[in-house]
């Protein structure tokens, strides 16, 4: 799968359409750069080839392409909405981590950030996590389960080794 074009990203996100309209070439350049950053990140998390033909991984099937474009659009949308303002980003993430709420004498409680990341998620935004998990290959899902479980994924490899020196006749026993 090739990296999504700015037009494809705008198709999946009304926020990107509103904030980065098509009338500016700078907006298209920004979306292209953002897709070239987010595409490989999504590819590494899911085990799929997104954006670069020589990238290791499995091909993105045709029915999964809209999910891949949607994930990339949502991740770009989050960065466009939040910009580079760390406090705004933290407040938005804090709001997503609300674990309980009371209406009597007002009360709120949030899960700590460490709990969110130890909660075995690919992205703090639950909607993005669900789409990423759907996009993951079975091998990558196994890798993530092993990583979260704290053990190594079983693996093995075999390689033949030419013990004789080239150009010399091997003396047998």
N, C-alpha and C. Protein backbone atom coordinates (compact mmCIF):
# COMPACT_ATOMS: atom_id res chain seq x y z
N UNK A 1 0.84 -1.17 0.00
CA UNK A 1 0.00 0.00 0.00
C UNK A 1 0.89 1.24 0.00
N UNK A 2 0.56 2.16 -0.83
CA UNK A 2 1.27 3.44 -0.87
C UNK A 2 0.80 4.32 0.28
N UNK A 3 1.59 5.35 0.59
CA UNK A 3 1.16 6.31 1.59
C UNK A 3 -0.10 7.02 1.10
N UNK A 4 -1.03 7.31 1.99
CA UNK A 4 -2.25 7.98 1.56
C UNK A 4 -1.97 9.41 1.09
N UNK A 5 -2.70 9.83 0.10
CA UNK A 5 -2.57 11.19 -0.43
C UNK A 5 -3.33 12.16 0.49
N UNK A 6 -3.04 13.45 0.39
CA UNK A 6 -3.80 14.42 1.18
C UNK A 6 -5.31 14.34 0.92
N UNK A 7 -5.70 14.06 -0.33
CA UNK A 7 -7.13 13.94 -0.64
C UNK A 7 -7.75 12.75 0.09
N UNK A 8 -7.03 11.62 0.13
CA UNK A 8 -7.55 10.44 0.82
C UNK A 8 -7.66 10.70 2.32
N UNK A 9 -6.69 11.41 2.88
CA UNK A 9 -6.74 11.73 4.31
C UNK A 9 -7.93 12.63 4.62
N UNK A 10 -8.18 13.61 3.74
CA UNK A 10 -9.31 14.51 3.96
C UNK A 10 -10.64 13.77 3.82
N UNK A 11 -10.68 12.73 3.01
CA UNK A 11 -11.89 11.93 2.87
C UNK A 11 -12.28 11.29 4.19
N UNK A 12 -11.29 10.88 4.98
CA UNK A 12 -11.55 10.19 6.23
C UNK A 12 -11.66 11.13 7.43
N UNK A 13 -11.34 12.40 7.25
CA UNK A 13 -11.35 13.30 8.39
C UNK A 13 -11.91 14.66 8.02
N UNK A 14 -13.05 14.99 8.60
CA UNK A 14 -13.63 16.31 8.37
C UNK A 14 -12.80 17.38 9.09
N UNK A 15 -12.11 16.99 10.16
CA UNK A 15 -11.25 17.94 10.88
C UNK A 15 -10.09 18.38 10.00
N UNK A 16 -9.45 17.41 9.32
CA UNK A 16 -8.36 17.77 8.42
C UNK A 16 -8.86 18.62 7.26
N UNK A 17 -10.07 18.33 6.78
CA UNK A 17 -10.65 19.11 5.69
C UNK A 17 -10.88 20.55 6.14
N UNK A 18 -11.37 20.72 7.38
CA UNK A 18 -11.66 22.06 7.88
C UNK A 18 -10.39 22.82 8.25
N UNK A 19 -9.46 22.14 8.92
CA UNK A 19 -8.25 22.83 9.40
C UNK A 19 -7.19 23.01 8.33
N UNK A 20 -7.11 22.06 7.40
CA UNK A 20 -6.10 22.12 6.33
C UNK A 20 -6.78 21.99 4.98
N UNK A 21 -7.46 23.05 4.52
CA UNK A 21 -8.20 22.95 3.26
C UNK A 21 -7.27 22.76 2.06
N UNK A 22 -7.87 22.32 0.96
CA UNK A 22 -7.11 21.99 -0.25
C UNK A 22 -6.53 23.21 -0.95
N UNK A 23 -7.03 24.40 -0.67
CA UNK A 23 -6.62 25.57 -1.44
C UNK A 23 -5.16 25.98 -1.23
N UNK A 24 -4.51 25.42 -0.24
CA UNK A 24 -3.12 25.80 0.01
C UNK A 24 -2.18 24.63 -0.28
N UNK A 25 -1.15 24.89 -1.08
CA UNK A 25 -0.15 23.85 -1.34
C UNK A 25 0.64 23.51 -0.09
N UNK A 26 0.77 24.47 0.83
CA UNK A 26 1.48 24.21 2.09
C UNK A 26 0.73 23.17 2.93
N UNK A 27 -0.60 23.22 2.89
CA UNK A 27 -1.39 22.24 3.64
C UNK A 27 -1.19 20.83 3.07
N UNK A 28 -1.17 20.73 1.75
CA UNK A 28 -0.93 19.42 1.13
C UNK A 28 0.47 18.92 1.45
N UNK A 29 1.44 19.83 1.45
CA UNK A 29 2.81 19.43 1.80
C UNK A 29 2.88 18.96 3.24
N UNK A 30 2.17 19.64 4.14
CA UNK A 30 2.13 19.23 5.54
C UNK A 30 1.52 17.84 5.69
N UNK A 31 0.40 17.61 5.03
CA UNK A 31 -0.26 16.29 5.11
C UNK A 31 0.61 15.19 4.52
N UNK A 32 1.31 15.49 3.44
CA UNK A 32 2.21 14.50 2.83
C UNK A 32 3.34 14.15 3.78
N UNK A 33 3.94 15.17 4.41
CA UNK A 33 5.01 14.91 5.39
C UNK A 33 4.49 14.14 6.58
N UNK A 34 3.32 14.53 7.08
CA UNK A 34 2.75 13.84 8.24
C UNK A 34 2.45 12.39 7.91
N UNK A 35 1.94 12.12 6.71
CA UNK A 35 1.66 10.74 6.31
C UNK A 35 2.95 9.95 6.17
N UNK A 36 4.03 10.61 5.72
CA UNK A 36 5.30 9.89 5.58
C UNK A 36 5.93 9.59 6.93
N UNK A 37 5.50 10.26 7.98
CA UNK A 37 5.96 9.94 9.34
C UNK A 37 5.04 8.89 9.97
N UNK A 38 3.75 9.12 9.89
CA UNK A 38 2.79 8.23 10.54
C UNK A 38 2.69 6.87 9.84
N UNK A 39 2.83 6.83 8.52
CA UNK A 39 2.72 5.57 7.79
C UNK A 39 3.70 4.51 8.27
N UNK A 40 5.00 4.82 8.32
CA UNK A 40 5.96 3.82 8.82
C UNK A 40 5.75 3.46 10.29
N UNK A 41 5.29 4.42 11.10
CA UNK A 41 5.02 4.10 12.51
C UNK A 41 3.88 3.09 12.62
N UNK A 42 2.82 3.33 11.86
CA UNK A 42 1.70 2.40 11.85
C UNK A 42 2.15 1.05 11.29
N UNK A 43 3.00 1.07 10.28
CA UNK A 43 3.51 -0.17 9.71
C UNK A 43 4.30 -0.97 10.74
N UNK A 44 5.16 -0.31 11.51
CA UNK A 44 5.95 -1.00 12.53
C UNK A 44 5.07 -1.57 13.64
N UNK A 45 3.99 -0.86 13.97
CA UNK A 45 3.11 -1.34 15.04
C UNK A 45 2.25 -2.50 14.59
N UNK A 46 1.95 -2.56 13.29
CA UNK A 46 1.00 -3.56 12.80
C UNK A 46 1.62 -4.70 12.00
N UNK A 47 2.85 -4.54 11.55
CA UNK A 47 3.48 -5.58 10.74
C UNK A 47 3.04 -5.56 9.29
N UNK A 48 2.50 -4.44 8.83
CA UNK A 48 2.03 -4.31 7.44
C UNK A 48 2.93 -3.35 6.67
N UNK A 49 3.02 -3.55 5.35
CA UNK A 49 3.79 -2.65 4.49
C UNK A 49 2.93 -1.44 4.16
N UNK A 50 3.34 -0.29 4.67
CA UNK A 50 2.61 0.94 4.39
C UNK A 50 3.62 2.00 3.98
N UNK A 51 3.56 2.41 2.75
CA UNK A 51 4.35 3.54 2.31
C UNK A 51 5.64 3.25 1.59
N UNK A 52 6.35 2.22 1.94
CA UNK A 52 7.63 1.95 1.32
C UNK A 52 7.66 0.51 0.84
N UNK A 53 7.83 0.28 -0.46
CA UNK A 53 7.72 -1.08 -1.00
C UNK A 53 8.74 -2.06 -0.44
N UNK A 54 9.92 -1.59 -0.04
CA UNK A 54 10.94 -2.50 0.45
C UNK A 54 10.85 -2.73 1.95
N UNK A 55 9.86 -2.11 2.59
CA UNK A 55 9.68 -2.26 4.03
C UNK A 55 9.28 -3.70 4.34
N UNK A 56 9.88 -4.29 5.38
CA UNK A 56 9.48 -5.66 5.72
C UNK A 56 8.06 -5.68 6.26
N UNK A 57 7.38 -6.76 6.04
CA UNK A 57 6.03 -6.90 6.56
C UNK A 57 5.10 -7.52 5.54
N UNK A 58 3.86 -7.68 5.97
CA UNK A 58 2.83 -8.27 5.12
C UNK A 58 2.14 -7.18 4.31
N UNK A 59 1.68 -7.56 3.13
CA UNK A 59 0.95 -6.64 2.27
C UNK A 59 -0.38 -6.27 2.94
N UNK A 60 -0.80 -5.03 2.76
CA UNK A 60 -2.09 -4.60 3.27
C UNK A 60 -3.15 -5.05 2.26
N UNK A 61 -4.03 -5.94 2.69
CA UNK A 61 -5.08 -6.41 1.80
C UNK A 61 -6.01 -5.24 1.44
N UNK A 62 -6.68 -5.39 0.32
CA UNK A 62 -7.53 -4.31 -0.18
C UNK A 62 -8.62 -3.92 0.82
N UNK A 63 -9.17 -4.90 1.52
CA UNK A 63 -10.25 -4.59 2.47
C UNK A 63 -9.73 -3.91 3.74
N UNK A 64 -8.41 -3.97 3.98
CA UNK A 64 -7.83 -3.31 5.15
C UNK A 64 -7.30 -1.90 4.84
N UNK A 65 -7.21 -1.55 3.57
CA UNK A 65 -6.67 -0.24 3.21
C UNK A 65 -7.45 0.92 3.82
N UNK A 66 -8.80 0.91 3.82
CA UNK A 66 -9.51 2.03 4.47
C UNK A 66 -9.19 2.14 5.96
N UNK A 67 -8.98 1.02 6.63
CA UNK A 67 -8.63 1.06 8.05
C UNK A 67 -7.26 1.71 8.23
N UNK A 68 -6.32 1.35 7.37
CA UNK A 68 -4.98 1.93 7.47
C UNK A 68 -5.01 3.43 7.22
N UNK A 69 -5.74 3.87 6.22
CA UNK A 69 -5.83 5.30 5.92
C UNK A 69 -6.53 6.02 7.08
N UNK A 70 -7.56 5.39 7.64
CA UNK A 70 -8.29 6.00 8.75
C UNK A 70 -7.39 6.16 9.97
N UNK A 71 -6.59 5.15 10.28
CA UNK A 71 -5.67 5.25 11.42
C UNK A 71 -4.68 6.38 11.21
N UNK A 72 -4.10 6.46 10.03
CA UNK A 72 -3.13 7.52 9.74
C UNK A 72 -3.81 8.88 9.83
N UNK A 73 -5.03 8.99 9.29
CA UNK A 73 -5.76 10.26 9.36
C UNK A 73 -6.07 10.65 10.80
N UNK A 74 -6.48 9.69 11.62
CA UNK A 74 -6.79 9.99 13.02
C UNK A 74 -5.55 10.43 13.79
N UNK A 75 -4.42 9.79 13.52
CA UNK A 75 -3.19 10.18 14.22
C UNK A 75 -2.73 11.57 13.77
N UNK A 76 -2.88 11.89 12.49
CA UNK A 76 -2.53 13.23 12.01
C UNK A 76 -3.52 14.24 12.57
N UNK A 77 -4.80 13.86 12.58
CA UNK A 77 -5.84 14.74 13.10
C UNK A 77 -5.55 15.12 14.55
N UNK A 78 -5.13 14.15 15.34
CA UNK A 78 -4.82 14.42 16.74
C UNK A 78 -3.67 15.42 16.84
N UNK A 79 -2.66 15.28 16.00
CA UNK A 79 -1.54 16.22 16.06
C UNK A 79 -1.94 17.60 15.55
N UNK A 80 -2.86 17.66 14.57
CA UNK A 80 -3.30 18.95 14.04
C UNK A 80 -4.17 19.66 15.07
N UNK A 81 -5.07 18.93 15.70
CA UNK A 81 -5.95 19.54 16.69
C UNK A 81 -5.15 20.02 17.89
N UNK A 82 -4.26 19.18 18.36
CA UNK A 82 -3.53 19.52 19.57
C UNK A 82 -2.33 20.41 19.30
N UNK A 83 -1.87 20.40 18.05
CA UNK A 83 -0.70 21.18 17.73
C UNK A 83 0.49 20.75 18.56
N UNK A 84 1.32 21.66 18.92
CA UNK A 84 2.50 21.35 19.72
C UNK A 84 2.34 21.83 21.15
N UNK A 85 1.11 22.11 21.55
CA UNK A 85 0.86 22.61 22.90
C UNK A 85 0.76 21.44 23.87
N UNK A 86 1.78 21.26 24.67
CA UNK A 86 1.86 20.10 25.56
C UNK A 86 0.74 20.10 26.59
N UNK A 87 0.36 21.25 27.12
CA UNK A 87 -0.69 21.29 28.15
C UNK A 87 -2.04 20.89 27.56
N UNK A 88 -2.32 21.35 26.34
CA UNK A 88 -3.57 20.97 25.69
C UNK A 88 -3.59 19.47 25.42
N UNK A 89 -2.46 18.94 24.95
CA UNK A 89 -2.36 17.51 24.69
C UNK A 89 -2.55 16.73 25.98
N UNK A 90 -1.91 17.17 27.06
CA UNK A 90 -2.03 16.46 28.32
C UNK A 90 -3.46 16.51 28.84
N UNK A 91 -4.12 17.67 28.72
CA UNK A 91 -5.50 17.79 29.18
C UNK A 91 -6.42 16.87 28.39
N UNK A 92 -6.19 16.74 27.09
CA UNK A 92 -7.02 15.87 26.27
C UNK A 92 -6.79 14.41 26.64
N UNK A 93 -5.54 14.04 26.86
CA UNK A 93 -5.24 12.67 27.25
C UNK A 93 -5.80 12.39 28.63
N UNK A 94 -5.70 13.37 29.55
CA UNK A 94 -6.26 13.20 30.89
C UNK A 94 -7.77 12.97 30.81
N UNK A 95 -8.45 13.73 29.94
CA UNK A 95 -9.89 13.56 29.79
C UNK A 95 -10.26 12.18 29.27
N UNK A 96 -9.40 11.60 28.45
CA UNK A 96 -9.66 10.27 27.92
C UNK A 96 -9.41 9.19 28.96
N UNK A 97 -8.71 9.53 30.05
CA UNK A 97 -8.38 8.54 31.06
C UNK A 97 -9.30 8.61 32.27
N UNK A 98 -10.44 9.26 32.16
CA UNK A 98 -11.38 9.36 33.27
C UNK A 98 -11.85 7.96 33.63
N UNK A 99 -11.65 7.56 34.89
CA UNK A 99 -12.02 6.20 35.28
C UNK A 99 -13.29 6.16 36.11
N UNK A 100 -13.64 7.26 36.79
CA UNK A 100 -14.90 7.28 37.53
C UNK A 100 -15.40 8.72 37.62
N UNK A 101 -16.69 8.86 37.88
CA UNK A 101 -17.30 10.19 37.95
C UNK A 101 -18.50 10.10 38.88
N UNK A 102 -18.68 11.08 39.74
CA UNK A 102 -19.84 11.12 40.64
C UNK A 102 -20.53 12.45 40.46
N UNK A 103 -21.85 12.47 40.66
CA UNK A 103 -22.58 13.72 40.50
C UNK A 103 -23.00 14.32 41.83
N UNK A 104 -23.13 13.52 42.91
CA UNK A 104 -23.54 14.03 44.23
C UNK A 104 -22.63 15.17 44.64
N UNK A 105 -21.88 15.01 45.70
CA UNK A 105 -20.80 15.99 45.89
C UNK A 105 -19.74 15.67 44.84
N UNK A 106 -19.57 16.52 43.91
CA UNK A 106 -18.77 16.32 42.69
C UNK A 106 -17.46 15.57 42.97
N UNK A 107 -17.18 14.55 42.16
CA UNK A 107 -15.96 13.77 42.30
C UNK A 107 -15.53 13.24 40.94
N UNK A 108 -14.25 13.21 40.69
CA UNK A 108 -13.67 12.64 39.48
C UNK A 108 -12.42 11.89 39.88
N UNK A 109 -12.08 10.86 39.13
CA UNK A 109 -10.77 10.23 39.32
C UNK A 109 -10.28 9.74 37.97
N UNK A 110 -8.97 9.84 37.80
CA UNK A 110 -8.33 9.49 36.55
C UNK A 110 -7.34 8.36 36.78
N UNK A 111 -7.16 7.55 35.76
CA UNK A 111 -6.10 6.54 35.81
C UNK A 111 -4.78 7.24 35.56
N UNK A 112 -3.73 6.87 36.26
CA UNK A 112 -2.44 7.49 35.97
C UNK A 112 -1.95 7.08 34.58
N UNK A 113 -1.10 7.90 34.00
CA UNK A 113 -0.58 7.65 32.65
C UNK A 113 0.11 6.29 32.58
N UNK A 114 0.82 5.92 33.63
CA UNK A 114 1.51 4.62 33.63
C UNK A 114 0.51 3.48 33.52
N UNK A 115 -0.65 3.63 34.12
CA UNK A 115 -1.67 2.58 34.03
C UNK A 115 -2.19 2.46 32.61
N UNK A 116 -2.27 3.58 31.91
CA UNK A 116 -2.74 3.54 30.53
C UNK A 116 -1.77 2.75 29.65
N UNK A 117 -0.48 3.01 29.82
CA UNK A 117 0.49 2.32 28.99
C UNK A 117 0.71 0.88 29.44
N UNK A 118 0.51 0.61 30.72
CA UNK A 118 0.62 -0.78 31.16
C UNK A 118 -0.69 -1.52 30.89
N UNK A 119 -1.68 -0.80 30.40
CA UNK A 119 -2.97 -1.40 30.09
C UNK A 119 -2.98 -2.12 28.76
N UNK A 120 -1.82 -2.33 28.18
CA UNK A 120 -1.67 -3.09 26.95
C UNK A 120 -2.46 -2.48 25.80
N UNK A 121 -2.11 -1.24 25.48
CA UNK A 121 -2.73 -0.56 24.35
C UNK A 121 -1.65 -0.07 23.40
N UNK A 122 -1.98 -0.02 22.13
CA UNK A 122 -1.06 0.47 21.12
C UNK A 122 -1.07 1.99 21.03
N UNK A 123 -2.16 2.60 21.47
CA UNK A 123 -2.30 4.05 21.44
C UNK A 123 -3.19 4.45 22.61
N UNK A 124 -2.89 5.56 23.30
CA UNK A 124 -3.75 5.96 24.42
C UNK A 124 -5.19 6.23 24.01
N UNK A 125 -5.42 6.63 22.77
CA UNK A 125 -6.78 6.82 22.27
C UNK A 125 -7.35 5.44 21.95
N UNK A 126 -8.41 5.07 22.64
CA UNK A 126 -8.94 3.71 22.51
C UNK A 126 -9.44 3.41 21.09
N UNK A 127 -10.01 4.40 20.41
CA UNK A 127 -10.51 4.18 19.04
C UNK A 127 -9.34 3.87 18.10
N UNK A 128 -8.23 4.60 18.25
CA UNK A 128 -7.07 4.34 17.41
C UNK A 128 -6.47 2.98 17.76
N UNK A 129 -6.44 2.65 19.05
CA UNK A 129 -5.93 1.33 19.45
C UNK A 129 -6.73 0.21 18.79
N UNK A 130 -8.05 0.32 18.81
CA UNK A 130 -8.89 -0.73 18.23
C UNK A 130 -8.63 -0.88 16.73
N UNK A 131 -8.47 0.23 16.02
CA UNK A 131 -8.18 0.15 14.59
C UNK A 131 -6.80 -0.43 14.33
N UNK A 132 -5.81 -0.03 15.14
CA UNK A 132 -4.47 -0.59 14.99
C UNK A 132 -4.47 -2.10 15.25
N UNK A 133 -5.20 -2.52 16.26
CA UNK A 133 -5.25 -3.95 16.60
C UNK A 133 -5.92 -4.73 15.47
N UNK A 134 -6.94 -4.15 14.85
CA UNK A 134 -7.60 -4.80 13.71
C UNK A 134 -6.65 -4.92 12.53
N UNK A 135 -5.78 -3.95 12.37
CA UNK A 135 -4.83 -3.92 11.25
C UNK A 135 -3.62 -4.84 11.49
N UNK A 136 -3.34 -5.19 12.73
CA UNK A 136 -2.17 -6.02 13.05
C UNK A 136 -2.26 -7.40 12.41
N UNK A 137 -1.11 -7.91 12.00
CA UNK A 137 -1.04 -9.29 11.53
C UNK A 137 -1.06 -10.21 12.75
N UNK A 138 -1.32 -11.49 12.55
CA UNK A 138 -1.33 -12.44 13.66
C UNK A 138 0.04 -12.51 14.33
N UNK A 139 1.11 -12.45 13.52
CA UNK A 139 2.46 -12.49 14.09
C UNK A 139 2.70 -11.27 14.98
N UNK A 140 2.25 -10.10 14.54
CA UNK A 140 2.47 -8.88 15.32
C UNK A 140 1.61 -8.89 16.58
N UNK A 141 0.40 -9.43 16.48
CA UNK A 141 -0.43 -9.54 17.69
C UNK A 141 0.26 -10.44 18.71
N UNK A 142 0.85 -11.54 18.25
CA UNK A 142 1.60 -12.42 19.14
C UNK A 142 2.79 -11.71 19.74
N UNK A 143 3.47 -10.88 18.92
CA UNK A 143 4.61 -10.13 19.42
C UNK A 143 4.18 -9.16 20.52
N UNK A 144 3.07 -8.43 20.28
CA UNK A 144 2.58 -7.48 21.28
C UNK A 144 2.17 -8.20 22.55
N UNK A 145 1.48 -9.33 22.43
CA UNK A 145 1.08 -10.08 23.63
C UNK A 145 2.30 -10.53 24.43
N UNK A 146 3.33 -10.98 23.72
CA UNK A 146 4.56 -11.39 24.39
C UNK A 146 5.24 -10.19 25.05
N UNK A 147 5.28 -9.07 24.37
CA UNK A 147 5.90 -7.87 24.91
C UNK A 147 5.17 -7.41 26.18
N UNK A 148 3.85 -7.36 26.11
CA UNK A 148 3.07 -6.94 27.27
C UNK A 148 3.14 -7.96 28.39
N UNK A 149 3.30 -9.23 28.03
CA UNK A 149 3.39 -10.29 29.04
C UNK A 149 4.77 -10.40 29.67
N UNK A 150 5.76 -9.75 29.08
CA UNK A 150 7.09 -9.76 29.65
C UNK A 150 7.94 -10.95 29.28
N UNK A 151 7.63 -11.61 28.19
CA UNK A 151 8.46 -12.74 27.76
C UNK A 151 8.82 -12.58 26.29
N UNK A 152 9.85 -13.30 25.87
CA UNK A 152 10.32 -13.21 24.49
C UNK A 152 9.49 -14.10 23.58
N UNK A 153 9.32 -13.64 22.36
CA UNK A 153 8.61 -14.43 21.36
C UNK A 153 9.55 -15.54 20.90
N UNK A 154 9.08 -16.80 20.90
CA UNK A 154 9.96 -17.87 20.43
C UNK A 154 10.33 -17.66 18.96
N UNK A 155 11.58 -17.88 18.67
CA UNK A 155 12.03 -17.71 17.30
C UNK A 155 13.21 -18.65 17.05
N UNK A 156 13.45 -18.91 15.81
CA UNK A 156 14.59 -19.74 15.46
C UNK A 156 14.98 -19.50 14.02
N UNK A 157 16.21 -19.83 13.72
CA UNK A 157 16.70 -19.69 12.37
C UNK A 157 17.79 -20.72 12.13
N UNK A 158 17.91 -21.15 10.91
CA UNK A 158 18.96 -22.09 10.54
C UNK A 158 19.70 -21.53 9.33
N UNK A 159 21.00 -21.67 9.36
CA UNK A 159 21.78 -21.19 8.23
C UNK A 159 22.90 -22.18 7.99
N UNK A 160 23.10 -22.52 6.72
CA UNK A 160 24.20 -23.42 6.39
C UNK A 160 25.50 -22.63 6.35
N UNK A 161 26.57 -23.29 6.76
CA UNK A 161 27.87 -22.64 6.81
C UNK A 161 28.83 -23.45 5.96
N UNK A 162 29.46 -22.83 4.95
CA UNK A 162 30.44 -23.55 4.14
C UNK A 162 31.77 -23.65 4.92
N UNK A 163 32.03 -24.81 5.48
CA UNK A 163 33.21 -24.97 6.32
C UNK A 163 34.50 -25.08 5.50
N UNK A 164 34.41 -25.54 4.27
CA UNK A 164 35.62 -25.67 3.45
C UNK A 164 35.99 -24.30 2.87
N UNK A 165 37.27 -24.08 2.73
CA UNK A 165 37.72 -22.84 2.12
C UNK A 165 37.47 -22.91 0.62
N UNK A 166 37.05 -21.82 0.00
CA UNK A 166 36.81 -21.87 -1.44
C UNK A 166 38.10 -22.12 -2.22
N UNK A 167 38.01 -22.94 -3.25
CA UNK A 167 39.14 -23.21 -4.11
C UNK A 167 40.04 -24.34 -3.60
N UNK A 168 39.76 -24.90 -2.48
CA UNK A 168 40.57 -26.00 -1.95
C UNK A 168 39.72 -27.25 -1.88
N UNK A 169 40.34 -28.33 -2.14
CA UNK A 169 39.64 -29.61 -2.05
C UNK A 169 39.58 -30.00 -0.58
N UNK A 170 38.39 -30.36 -0.17
CA UNK A 170 38.20 -30.73 1.22
C UNK A 170 38.68 -32.15 1.44
N UNK A 171 39.51 -32.32 2.41
CA UNK A 171 40.04 -33.65 2.75
C UNK A 171 39.08 -34.30 3.71
N UNK A 172 38.50 -35.41 3.28
CA UNK A 172 37.53 -36.08 4.14
C UNK A 172 38.18 -37.03 5.14
N UNK A 173 37.47 -37.40 6.11
CA UNK A 173 37.94 -38.34 7.13
C UNK A 173 37.33 -39.69 6.88
